[in-house]
Amino acid sequence: MTKLELERYGRILSGFYEGYFVKLHDDSEGTGGYYVYLVNDLSAPTDGGDYWVADRAELESFVESSQWEIEWILEEERGPEGVRKTT
């Protein structure tokens, strides 16, 4: 299973929403759960959505059932426009 990283973007390499970017947000202080944010592009998104899950176990189950392999992106790799730099 892909290691879950909170509060940072990752590119979905395989599974549902392949090619999209995902961010897992801990909203335990607000709703008590976690948000899963999805966008097709970081600098100019034209498609996306979000999901909410009740706890960490449900978040792990959600990611596993989505069959995601995620490459987590470091902030400095995103570049000034929010897109990942290519090398």
N, C-alpha and C. Protein backbone atom coordinates (compact mmCIF):
# COMPACT_ATOMS: atom_id res chain seq x y z
N MET A 1 0.83 -1.19 0.00
CA MET A 1 0.00 0.00 0.00
C MET A 1 0.88 1.25 0.00
N THR A 2 0.43 2.27 -0.69
CA THR A 2 1.13 3.55 -0.73
C THR A 2 1.16 4.17 0.66
N LYS A 3 2.31 4.69 1.06
CA LYS A 3 2.42 5.41 2.32
C LYS A 3 1.60 6.69 2.23
N LEU A 4 0.78 6.95 3.24
CA LEU A 4 -0.06 8.14 3.22
C LEU A 4 0.69 9.34 3.78
N GLU A 5 0.66 10.43 3.05
CA GLU A 5 1.27 11.68 3.48
C GLU A 5 0.14 12.70 3.58
N LEU A 6 0.07 13.39 4.71
CA LEU A 6 -0.96 14.39 4.90
C LEU A 6 -0.44 15.77 4.54
N GLU A 7 -1.34 16.62 4.07
CA GLU A 7 -1.07 18.05 3.82
C GLU A 7 -0.02 18.30 2.75
N ARG A 8 0.10 17.40 1.78
CA ARG A 8 0.97 17.66 0.63
C ARG A 8 0.38 16.99 -0.59
N TYR A 9 0.74 17.49 -1.74
CA TYR A 9 0.22 16.93 -2.98
C TYR A 9 1.00 15.71 -3.43
N GLY A 10 0.31 14.81 -4.09
CA GLY A 10 0.92 13.66 -4.72
C GLY A 10 0.25 13.41 -6.05
N ARG A 11 1.00 12.85 -6.98
CA ARG A 11 0.45 12.48 -8.28
C ARG A 11 0.05 11.02 -8.22
N ILE A 12 -1.18 10.73 -8.68
CA ILE A 12 -1.67 9.36 -8.70
C ILE A 12 -1.11 8.68 -9.95
N LEU A 13 -0.23 7.71 -9.73
CA LEU A 13 0.45 7.03 -10.84
C LEU A 13 -0.37 5.88 -11.40
N SER A 14 -1.24 5.28 -10.58
CA SER A 14 -2.09 4.20 -11.06
C SER A 14 -3.32 4.09 -10.16
N GLY A 15 -4.35 3.47 -10.70
CA GLY A 15 -5.60 3.32 -9.98
C GLY A 15 -6.63 4.33 -10.47
N PHE A 16 -7.71 4.45 -9.73
CA PHE A 16 -8.75 5.42 -10.07
C PHE A 16 -8.16 6.83 -10.02
N TYR A 17 -8.55 7.67 -10.95
CA TYR A 17 -8.06 9.05 -11.08
C TYR A 17 -6.57 9.10 -11.45
N GLU A 18 -6.09 8.09 -12.16
CA GLU A 18 -4.69 8.08 -12.60
C GLU A 18 -4.37 9.37 -13.34
N GLY A 19 -3.23 9.98 -12.99
CA GLY A 19 -2.80 11.24 -13.60
C GLY A 19 -3.25 12.46 -12.82
N TYR A 20 -4.20 12.30 -11.91
CA TYR A 20 -4.66 13.42 -11.09
C TYR A 20 -3.71 13.64 -9.93
N PHE A 21 -3.89 14.78 -9.26
CA PHE A 21 -3.15 15.09 -8.05
C PHE A 21 -4.10 14.93 -6.87
N VAL A 22 -3.57 14.45 -5.75
CA VAL A 22 -4.37 14.22 -4.56
C VAL A 22 -3.70 14.92 -3.37
N LYS A 23 -4.53 15.40 -2.47
CA LYS A 23 -4.03 15.95 -1.21
C LYS A 23 -4.93 15.41 -0.11
N LEU A 24 -4.32 14.84 0.93
CA LEU A 24 -5.05 14.29 2.07
C LEU A 24 -4.97 15.29 3.21
N HIS A 25 -6.13 15.77 3.65
CA HIS A 25 -6.19 16.83 4.65
C HIS A 25 -6.81 16.33 5.95
N ASP A 26 -6.09 16.49 7.05
CA ASP A 26 -6.59 16.13 8.38
C ASP A 26 -7.52 17.24 8.86
N ASP A 27 -8.80 16.94 8.93
CA ASP A 27 -9.80 17.92 9.37
C ASP A 27 -10.39 17.50 10.72
N SER A 28 -9.56 16.87 11.55
CA SER A 28 -10.06 16.35 12.83
C SER A 28 -10.57 17.46 13.75
N GLU A 29 -10.03 18.66 13.64
CA GLU A 29 -10.50 19.75 14.48
C GLU A 29 -11.84 20.30 14.00
N GLY A 30 -12.12 20.19 12.70
CA GLY A 30 -13.37 20.71 12.15
C GLY A 30 -14.48 19.68 12.11
N THR A 31 -14.28 18.65 11.30
CA THR A 31 -15.31 17.63 11.09
C THR A 31 -15.03 16.33 11.82
N GLY A 32 -13.81 16.19 12.32
CA GLY A 32 -13.43 14.95 12.99
C GLY A 32 -12.86 13.91 12.05
N GLY A 33 -12.82 14.21 10.75
CA GLY A 33 -12.34 13.23 9.77
C GLY A 33 -11.25 13.78 8.87
N TYR A 34 -11.22 13.26 7.65
CA TYR A 34 -10.21 13.61 6.67
C TYR A 34 -10.88 13.94 5.34
N TYR A 35 -10.33 14.93 4.63
CA TYR A 35 -10.76 15.22 3.27
C TYR A 35 -9.73 14.66 2.30
N VAL A 36 -10.21 14.19 1.16
CA VAL A 36 -9.37 13.74 0.06
C VAL A 36 -9.69 14.67 -1.10
N TYR A 37 -8.75 15.57 -1.44
CA TYR A 37 -8.96 16.53 -2.52
C TYR A 37 -8.29 16.00 -3.79
N LEU A 38 -8.97 16.13 -4.92
CA LEU A 38 -8.46 15.68 -6.22
C LEU A 38 -8.55 16.80 -7.23
N VAL A 39 -7.49 17.01 -8.01
CA VAL A 39 -7.51 17.96 -9.13
C VAL A 39 -6.70 17.36 -10.28
N ASN A 40 -7.08 17.75 -11.49
CA ASN A 40 -6.38 17.21 -12.66
C ASN A 40 -5.10 18.00 -12.99
N ASP A 41 -4.97 19.20 -12.45
CA ASP A 41 -3.79 20.03 -12.72
C ASP A 41 -3.60 20.96 -11.53
N LEU A 42 -2.37 21.18 -11.09
CA LEU A 42 -2.13 22.03 -9.93
C LEU A 42 -2.17 23.51 -10.26
N SER A 43 -1.77 23.90 -11.46
CA SER A 43 -1.72 25.32 -11.78
C SER A 43 -3.02 25.85 -12.36
N ALA A 44 -3.74 25.03 -13.11
CA ALA A 44 -5.00 25.48 -13.73
C ALA A 44 -5.98 24.31 -13.79
N PRO A 45 -6.52 23.90 -12.65
CA PRO A 45 -7.40 22.74 -12.65
C PRO A 45 -8.70 22.99 -13.40
N THR A 46 -9.13 21.98 -14.16
CA THR A 46 -10.41 22.06 -14.86
C THR A 46 -11.35 20.95 -14.41
N ASP A 47 -10.85 20.04 -13.58
CA ASP A 47 -11.67 18.95 -13.08
C ASP A 47 -11.13 18.54 -11.72
N GLY A 48 -12.01 18.04 -10.89
CA GLY A 48 -11.59 17.59 -9.58
C GLY A 48 -12.78 17.33 -8.69
N GLY A 49 -12.51 17.15 -7.43
CA GLY A 49 -13.57 16.90 -6.47
C GLY A 49 -12.97 16.58 -5.13
N ASP A 50 -13.84 16.21 -4.20
CA ASP A 50 -13.34 15.84 -2.89
C ASP A 50 -14.22 14.76 -2.29
N TYR A 51 -13.63 14.08 -1.33
CA TYR A 51 -14.31 13.04 -0.56
C TYR A 51 -14.02 13.31 0.91
N TRP A 52 -14.88 12.82 1.77
CA TRP A 52 -14.67 12.92 3.20
C TRP A 52 -14.78 11.54 3.81
N VAL A 53 -13.86 11.22 4.73
CA VAL A 53 -13.91 9.95 5.45
C VAL A 53 -13.83 10.24 6.95
N ALA A 54 -14.36 9.33 7.75
CA ALA A 54 -14.56 9.58 9.17
C ALA A 54 -13.30 9.48 10.03
N ASP A 55 -12.34 8.63 9.64
CA ASP A 55 -11.16 8.45 10.49
C ASP A 55 -9.99 7.90 9.67
N ARG A 56 -8.86 7.71 10.33
CA ARG A 56 -7.64 7.26 9.65
C ARG A 56 -7.83 5.88 9.02
N ALA A 57 -8.50 4.98 9.71
CA ALA A 57 -8.73 3.64 9.15
C ALA A 57 -9.56 3.71 7.88
N GLU A 58 -10.58 4.57 7.87
CA GLU A 58 -11.40 4.73 6.67
C GLU A 58 -10.60 5.39 5.55
N LEU A 59 -9.71 6.31 5.90
CA LEU A 59 -8.84 6.94 4.89
C LEU A 59 -7.94 5.89 4.25
N GLU A 60 -7.32 5.05 5.05
CA GLU A 60 -6.46 4.00 4.53
C GLU A 60 -7.25 3.03 3.64
N SER A 61 -8.45 2.69 4.06
CA SER A 61 -9.31 1.81 3.26
C SER A 61 -9.70 2.47 1.94
N PHE A 62 -9.98 3.77 1.97
CA PHE A 62 -10.35 4.51 0.76
C PHE A 62 -9.21 4.48 -0.25
N VAL A 63 -8.00 4.79 0.21
CA VAL A 63 -6.83 4.81 -0.68
C VAL A 63 -6.56 3.41 -1.22
N GLU A 64 -6.65 2.40 -0.36
CA GLU A 64 -6.40 1.02 -0.80
C GLU A 64 -7.44 0.57 -1.83
N SER A 65 -8.71 0.87 -1.60
CA SER A 65 -9.76 0.44 -2.53
C SER A 65 -9.69 1.21 -3.85
N SER A 66 -9.09 2.40 -3.84
CA SER A 66 -8.89 3.17 -5.07
C SER A 66 -7.71 2.65 -5.88
N GLN A 67 -6.95 1.73 -5.29
CA GLN A 67 -5.80 1.10 -5.93
C GLN A 67 -4.74 2.13 -6.34
N TRP A 68 -4.55 3.12 -5.47
CA TRP A 68 -3.63 4.20 -5.80
C TRP A 68 -2.19 3.85 -5.50
N GLU A 69 -1.34 4.21 -6.45
CA GLU A 69 0.09 4.33 -6.23
C GLU A 69 0.36 5.81 -6.36
N ILE A 70 0.88 6.43 -5.30
CA ILE A 70 1.03 7.89 -5.26
C ILE A 70 2.50 8.25 -5.15
N GLU A 71 2.90 9.20 -5.98
CA GLU A 71 4.24 9.79 -5.88
C GLU A 71 4.06 11.14 -5.19
N TRP A 72 4.55 11.25 -3.95
CA TRP A 72 4.38 12.49 -3.19
C TRP A 72 5.35 13.54 -3.67
N ILE A 73 4.88 14.76 -3.77
CA ILE A 73 5.64 15.87 -4.34
C ILE A 73 6.09 16.80 -3.22
N LEU A 74 7.37 17.11 -3.20
CA LEU A 74 7.90 18.07 -2.25
C LEU A 74 7.51 19.47 -2.71
N GLU A 75 7.27 20.38 -1.78
CA GLU A 75 6.86 21.75 -2.13
C GLU A 75 7.85 22.39 -3.09
N GLU A 76 9.15 22.20 -2.86
CA GLU A 76 10.15 22.84 -3.72
C GLU A 76 10.14 22.27 -5.13
N GLU A 77 9.57 21.07 -5.33
CA GLU A 77 9.49 20.48 -6.66
C GLU A 77 8.30 21.03 -7.46
N ARG A 78 7.36 21.68 -6.78
CA ARG A 78 6.15 22.15 -7.45
C ARG A 78 6.43 23.37 -8.32
N GLY A 79 7.44 24.15 -7.99
CA GLY A 79 7.76 25.33 -8.78
C GLY A 79 6.83 26.48 -8.44
N PRO A 80 7.13 27.67 -8.95
CA PRO A 80 6.36 28.87 -8.58
C PRO A 80 4.91 28.86 -9.06
N GLU A 81 4.62 28.18 -10.15
CA GLU A 81 3.27 28.15 -10.67
C GLU A 81 2.44 27.00 -10.10
N GLY A 82 3.04 26.19 -9.22
CA GLY A 82 2.32 25.10 -8.62
C GLY A 82 2.43 23.78 -9.38
N VAL A 83 3.09 23.80 -10.53
CA VAL A 83 3.23 22.56 -11.28
C VAL A 83 4.57 21.92 -10.98
N ARG A 84 4.60 20.65 -11.11
CA ARG A 84 5.84 19.93 -10.83
C ARG A 84 6.84 20.18 -11.94
N LYS A 85 8.03 20.53 -11.55
CA LYS A 85 9.10 20.75 -12.52
C LYS A 85 9.46 19.42 -13.18
N THR A 86 9.80 19.48 -14.43
CA THR A 86 10.28 18.28 -15.11
C THR A 86 11.79 18.35 -15.18
N THR A 87 12.42 17.19 -15.13
CA THR A 87 13.89 17.18 -15.17
C THR A 87 14.37 16.53 -16.44
